[in-house]
C-alpha atoms as a PDB file:
ATOM      1  CA  MET A   1      29.575 142.729 151.923  1.00  0.00           C
ATOM      2  CA  SER A   2      32.467 143.143 154.349  1.00  0.00           C
ATOM      3  CA  PHE A   3      36.056 144.184 153.732  1.00  0.00           C
ATOM      4  CA  PHE A   4      36.853 140.487 153.588  1.00  0.00           C
ATOM      5  CA  ASP A   5      34.552 140.031 150.589  1.00  0.00           C
ATOM      6  CA  ASP A   6      32.824 137.005 151.991  1.00  0.00           C
ATOM      7  CA  GLU A   7      32.839 135.332 155.365  1.00  0.00           C
ATOM      8  CA  ILE A   8      33.492 132.035 153.588  1.00  0.00           C
ATOM      9  CA  LEU A   9      37.149 133.048 153.268  1.00  0.00           C
ATOM     10  CA  THR A  10      37.527 133.743 156.957  1.00  0.00           C
ATOM     11  CA  GLY A  11      35.423 130.932 158.370  1.00  0.00           C
ATOM     12  CA  GLY A  12      33.656 128.828 155.749  1.00  0.00           C
ATOM     13  CA  SER A  13      33.659 125.045 155.585  1.00  0.00           C
ATOM     14  CA  ASP A  14      35.939 123.146 153.205  1.00  0.00           C
ATOM     15  CA  GLU A  15      32.937 122.427 150.975  1.00  0.00           C
ATOM     16  CA  ASP A  16      32.008 126.128 150.861  1.00  0.00           C
ATOM     17  CA  LEU A  17      35.624 127.052 150.134  1.00  0.00           C
ATOM     18  CA  PHE A  18      35.813 124.584 147.243  1.00  0.00           C
ATOM     19  CA  ARG A  19      32.737 126.124 145.618  1.00  0.00           C
ATOM     20  CA  TYR A  20      34.117 129.614 146.266  1.00  0.00           C
ATOM     21  CA  MET A  21      37.514 128.706 144.787  1.00  0.00           C
ATOM     22  CA  TYR A  22      36.072 127.843 141.378  1.00  0.00           C
ATOM     23  CA  ASP A  23      33.479 130.636 141.285  1.00  0.00           C
ATOM     24  CA  HIS A  24      34.256 132.475 138.029  1.00  0.00           C
ATOM     25  CA  ASP A  25      32.730 135.697 139.333  1.00  0.00           C
ATOM     26  CA  ARG A  26      35.183 135.851 142.233  1.00  0.00           C
ATOM     27  CA  ASN A  27      38.265 134.225 140.731  1.00  0.00           C
ATOM     28  CA  ILE A  28      40.259 133.939 137.558  1.00  0.00           C
ATOM     29  CA  VAL A  29      39.954 130.268 136.705  1.00  0.00           C
ATOM     30  CA  VAL A  30      42.834 129.234 134.440  1.00  0.00           C
ATOM     31  CA  ASP A  31      42.146 126.089 132.464  1.00  0.00           C
ATOM     32  CA  TRP A  32      45.101 124.307 130.877  1.00  0.00           C
ATOM     33  CA  ARG A  33      43.558 125.107 127.490  1.00  0.00           C
ATOM     34  CA  GLY A  34      43.233 128.803 128.342  1.00  0.00           C
ATOM     35  CA  GLU A  35      44.773 131.494 126.183  1.00  0.00           C
ATOM     36  CA  ASP A  36      47.138 134.026 127.710  1.00  0.00           C
ATOM     37  CA  ASP A  37      45.443 137.050 126.163  1.00  0.00           C
ATOM     38  CA  GLU A  38      42.125 135.930 127.686  1.00  0.00           C
ATOM     39  CA  ILE A  39      43.729 135.594 131.130  1.00  0.00           C
ATOM     40  CA  VAL A  40      45.120 139.134 130.872  1.00  0.00           C
ATOM     41  CA  ALA A  41      41.718 140.429 129.706  1.00  0.00           C
ATOM     42  CA  GLU A  42      40.042 138.837 132.717  1.00  0.00           C
ATOM     43  CA  ILE A  43      42.603 140.378 135.073  1.00  0.00           C
ATOM     44  CA  ALA A  44      41.889 143.771 133.470  1.00  0.00           C
ATOM     45  CA  GLU A  45      38.152 143.234 133.911  1.00  0.00           C
ATOM     46  CA  LYS A  46      38.478 142.272 137.586  1.00  0.00           C
ATOM     47  CA  THR A  47      40.823 145.157 138.455  1.00  0.00           C
ATOM     48  CA  GLY A  48      39.764 147.897 136.067  1.00  0.00           C
ATOM     49  CA  GLU A  49      43.449 148.366 135.210  1.00  0.00           C
ATOM     50  CA  PRO A  50      44.506 149.235 131.633  1.00  0.00           C
ATOM     51  CA  VAL A  51      46.360 145.995 130.938  1.00  0.00           C
ATOM     52  CA  SER A  52      45.945 144.067 127.692  1.00  0.00           C
ATOM     53  CA  ALA A  53      47.722 141.433 125.644  1.00  0.00           C
ATOM     54  CA  GLU A  54      47.900 140.257 122.082  1.00  0.00           C
ATOM     55  CA  TYR A  55      49.795 137.522 120.316  1.00  0.00           C
ATOM     56  CA  THR A  56      52.649 138.426 117.982  1.00  0.00           C
ATOM     57  CA  ASP A  57      54.814 136.306 115.698  1.00  0.00           C
ATOM     58  CA  ASP A  58      57.412 136.097 118.479  1.00  0.00           C
ATOM     59  CA  GLY A  59      55.204 135.564 121.515  1.00  0.00           C
ATOM     60  CA  LEU A  60      52.933 137.827 123.521  1.00  0.00           C
ATOM     61  CA  LYS A  61      52.871 141.609 123.830  1.00  0.00           C
ATOM     62  CA  ILE A  62      51.465 142.998 127.082  1.00  0.00           C
ATOM     63  CA  ARG A  63      50.459 146.652 127.270  1.00  0.00           C
ATOM     64  CA  PHE A  64      50.139 148.524 130.536  1.00  0.00           C
ATOM     65  CA  GLU A  65      49.960 152.263 131.217  1.00  0.00           C
ATOM     66  CA  GLY A  66      51.329 153.167 127.786  1.00  0.00           C
ATOM     67  CA  ALA A  67      54.277 150.753 127.890  1.00  0.00           C
ATOM     68  CA  GLU A  68      54.701 147.503 125.970  1.00  0.00           C
ATOM     69  CA  TYR A  69      56.341 144.333 127.247  1.00  0.00           C
ATOM     70  CA  ASP A  70      57.291 141.549 124.870  1.00  0.00           C
ATOM     71  CA  LEU A  71      57.240 138.006 126.198  1.00  0.00           C
ATOM     72  CA  SER A  72      59.145 135.862 123.738  1.00  0.00           C
ATOM     73  CA  TYR A  73      58.207 132.252 123.097  1.00  0.00           C
ATOM     74  CA  GLU A  74      61.800 131.478 124.101  1.00  0.00           C
ATOM     75  CA  LEU A  75      60.773 132.283 127.680  1.00  0.00           C
ATOM     76  CA  PHE A  76      58.096 129.615 127.516  1.00  0.00           C
ATOM     77  CA  SER A  77      59.751 126.298 128.203  1.00  0.00           C
ATOM     78  CA  PRO A  78      57.830 124.121 127.766  1.00  0.00           C
ATOM     79  CA  LEU A  79      55.270 126.065 125.744  1.00  0.00           C
ATOM     80  CA  GLU A  80      52.305 124.980 127.904  1.00  0.00           C
ATOM     81  CA  LYS A  81      53.855 126.898 130.821  1.00  0.00           C
ATOM     82  CA  ALA A  82      53.456 130.174 128.902  1.00  0.00           C
ATOM     83  CA  ARG A  83      50.466 131.240 130.947  1.00  0.00           C
ATOM     84  CA  TYR A  84      52.560 131.232 134.126  1.00  0.00           C
ATOM     85  CA  VAL A  85      55.169 133.512 132.564  1.00  0.00           C
ATOM     86  CA  THR A  86      52.273 135.779 131.589  1.00  0.00           C
ATOM     87  CA  ILE A  87      50.645 135.663 135.045  1.00  0.00           C
ATOM     88  CA  ARG A  88      53.968 136.466 136.732  1.00  0.00           C
ATOM     89  CA  LYS A  89      54.538 139.414 134.373  1.00  0.00           C
ATOM     90  CA  VAL A  90      51.071 140.858 134.988  1.00  0.00           C
ATOM     91  CA  GLN A  91      51.587 140.351 138.743  1.00  0.00           C
ATOM     92  CA  GLU A  92      54.828 142.348 138.425  1.00  0.00           C
ATOM     93  CA  LEU A  93      53.098 145.160 136.511  1.00  0.00           C
ATOM     94  CA  LEU A  94      50.203 145.456 138.978  1.00  0.00           C
ATOM     95  CA  ARG A  95      52.239 144.882 142.151  1.00  0.00           C
ATOM     96  CA  ASP A  96      51.858 148.440 143.451  1.00  0.00           C
ATOM     97  CA  LYS A  97      48.069 148.100 143.610  1.00  0.00           C
ATOM     98  CA  TYR A  98      47.109 144.431 143.381  1.00  0.00           C
ATOM     99  CA  GLU A  99      48.327 141.002 144.290  1.00  0.00           C
ATOM    100  CA  ILE A 100      47.388 137.760 142.603  1.00  0.00           C
ATOM    101  CA  ARG A 101      47.513 134.578 144.663  1.00  0.00           C
ATOM    102  CA  VAL A 102      46.665 131.059 143.642  1.00  0.00           C
ATOM    103  CA  TRP A 103      44.363 128.856 145.664  1.00  0.00           C
ATOM    104  CA  ARG A 104      46.591 126.183 147.212  1.00  0.00           C
ATOM    105  CA  GLU A 105      44.003 123.452 146.602  1.00  0.00           C
ATOM    106  CA  SER A 106      44.091 124.156 142.855  1.00  0.00           C
ATOM    107  CA  MET A 107      47.897 123.967 142.550  1.00  0.00           C
ATOM    108  CA  LEU A 108      48.077 120.278 141.640  1.00  0.00           C
ATOM    109  CA  SER A 109      45.179 120.424 139.209  1.00  0.00           C
ATOM    110  CA  ASP A 110      45.274 121.306 135.523  1.00  0.00           C
ATOM    111  CA  THR A 111      42.847 124.123 136.358  1.00  0.00           C
ATOM    112  CA  HIS A 112      44.239 126.815 138.644  1.00  0.00           C
ATOM    113  CA  SER A 113      42.162 129.372 140.459  1.00  0.00           C
ATOM    114  CA  LEU A 114      43.650 132.834 140.977  1.00  0.00           C
ATOM    115  CA  TYR A 115      42.374 135.358 143.495  1.00  0.00           C
ATOM    116  CA  ILE A 116      43.231 139.000 142.834  1.00  0.00           C
ATOM    117  CA  LYS A 117      42.701 141.688 145.434  1.00  0.00           C
ATOM    118  CA  PRO A 118      44.199 145.063 146.360  1.00  0.00           C
ATOM    119  CA  ARG A 119      47.514 144.820 148.218  1.00  0.00           C
ATOM    120  CA  GLU A 120      45.954 146.476 151.295  1.00  0.00           C
ATOM    121  CA  TRP A 121      43.295 143.762 151.394  1.00  0.00           C
ATOM    122  CA  TRP A 122      45.966 141.035 151.386  1.00  0.00           C
ATOM    123  CA  ALA A 123      47.985 142.865 154.066  1.00  0.00           C
ATOM    124  CA  THR A 124      44.947 142.971 156.345  1.00  0.00           C
ATOM    125  CA  MET A 125      44.090 139.331 155.648  1.00  0.00           C
ATOM    126  CA  ASP A 126      47.687 138.280 156.335  1.00  0.00           C
ATOM    127  CA  GLU A 127      47.642 140.206 159.596  1.00  0.00           C
ATOM    128  CA  LYS A 128      44.238 139.087 160.903  1.00  0.00           C
ATOM    129  CA  PHE A 129      43.911 135.603 159.418  1.00  0.00           C
ATOM    130  CA  SER A 130      47.498 134.532 158.707  1.00  0.00           C
ATOM    131  CA  GLU A 131      47.022 130.799 159.352  1.00  0.00           C
ATOM    132  CA  ARG A 132      43.887 130.643 157.234  1.00  0.00           C
ATOM    133  CA  VAL A 133      45.482 132.600 154.377  1.00  0.00           C
ATOM    134  CA  GLU A 134      48.562 130.350 154.484  1.00  0.00           C
ATOM    135  CA  ARG A 135      46.336 127.275 154.336  1.00  0.00           C
ATOM    136  CA  LEU A 136      44.257 128.596 151.430  1.00  0.00           C
ATOM    137  CA  PHE A 137      46.622 130.577 149.186  1.00  0.00           C
ATOM    138  CA  VAL A 138      50.086 130.541 147.648  1.00  0.00           C
ATOM    139  CA  GLU A 139      51.865 133.761 146.773  1.00  0.00           C
ATOM    140  CA  ILE A 140      52.986 133.917 143.153  1.00  0.00           C
ATOM    141  CA  ASP A 141      56.652 134.595 142.508  1.00  0.00           C
ATOM    142  CA  GLU A 142      59.397 133.274 140.237  1.00  0.00           C
ATOM    143  CA  ASN A 143      59.672 130.092 142.334  1.00  0.00           C
ATOM    144  CA  THR A 144      55.982 129.178 142.392  1.00  0.00           C
ATOM    145  CA  LYS A 145      55.486 125.732 140.881  1.00  0.00           C
ATOM    146  CA  PHE A 146      52.174 125.237 139.134  1.00  0.00           C
ATOM    147  CA  GLY A 147      50.880 121.656 138.713  1.00  0.00           C
END
């Protein structure tokens, strides 16, 4: 396997890319019914980073490298958007090592596919395959609009 994980990303057909995008082994597939703590657990599994989450009476508590971060339900407006507050927070916590991007094609669906890779990997992809990366992925920040 190459640095680019799979040649499908750098030169595969649209059909191959669609299958790749929803491959649960390669991506974090976020269904609208998904639970935030499960999303965080999957990110931890894919990265090996010590990040976890659990629900509290007030919202969600995320733990990372010995620190705790409380995400209040008040941040979640409307409540079904909670997972995007959670994803953005985990992205912020892991930003020194990893970057999470969302597959552009999944943005308008109720099931979003996230691709998480080391920052160096994304930097190389952006440099060598900038047009392809722009066509396939959206960077996640506070302005990213999900479905």
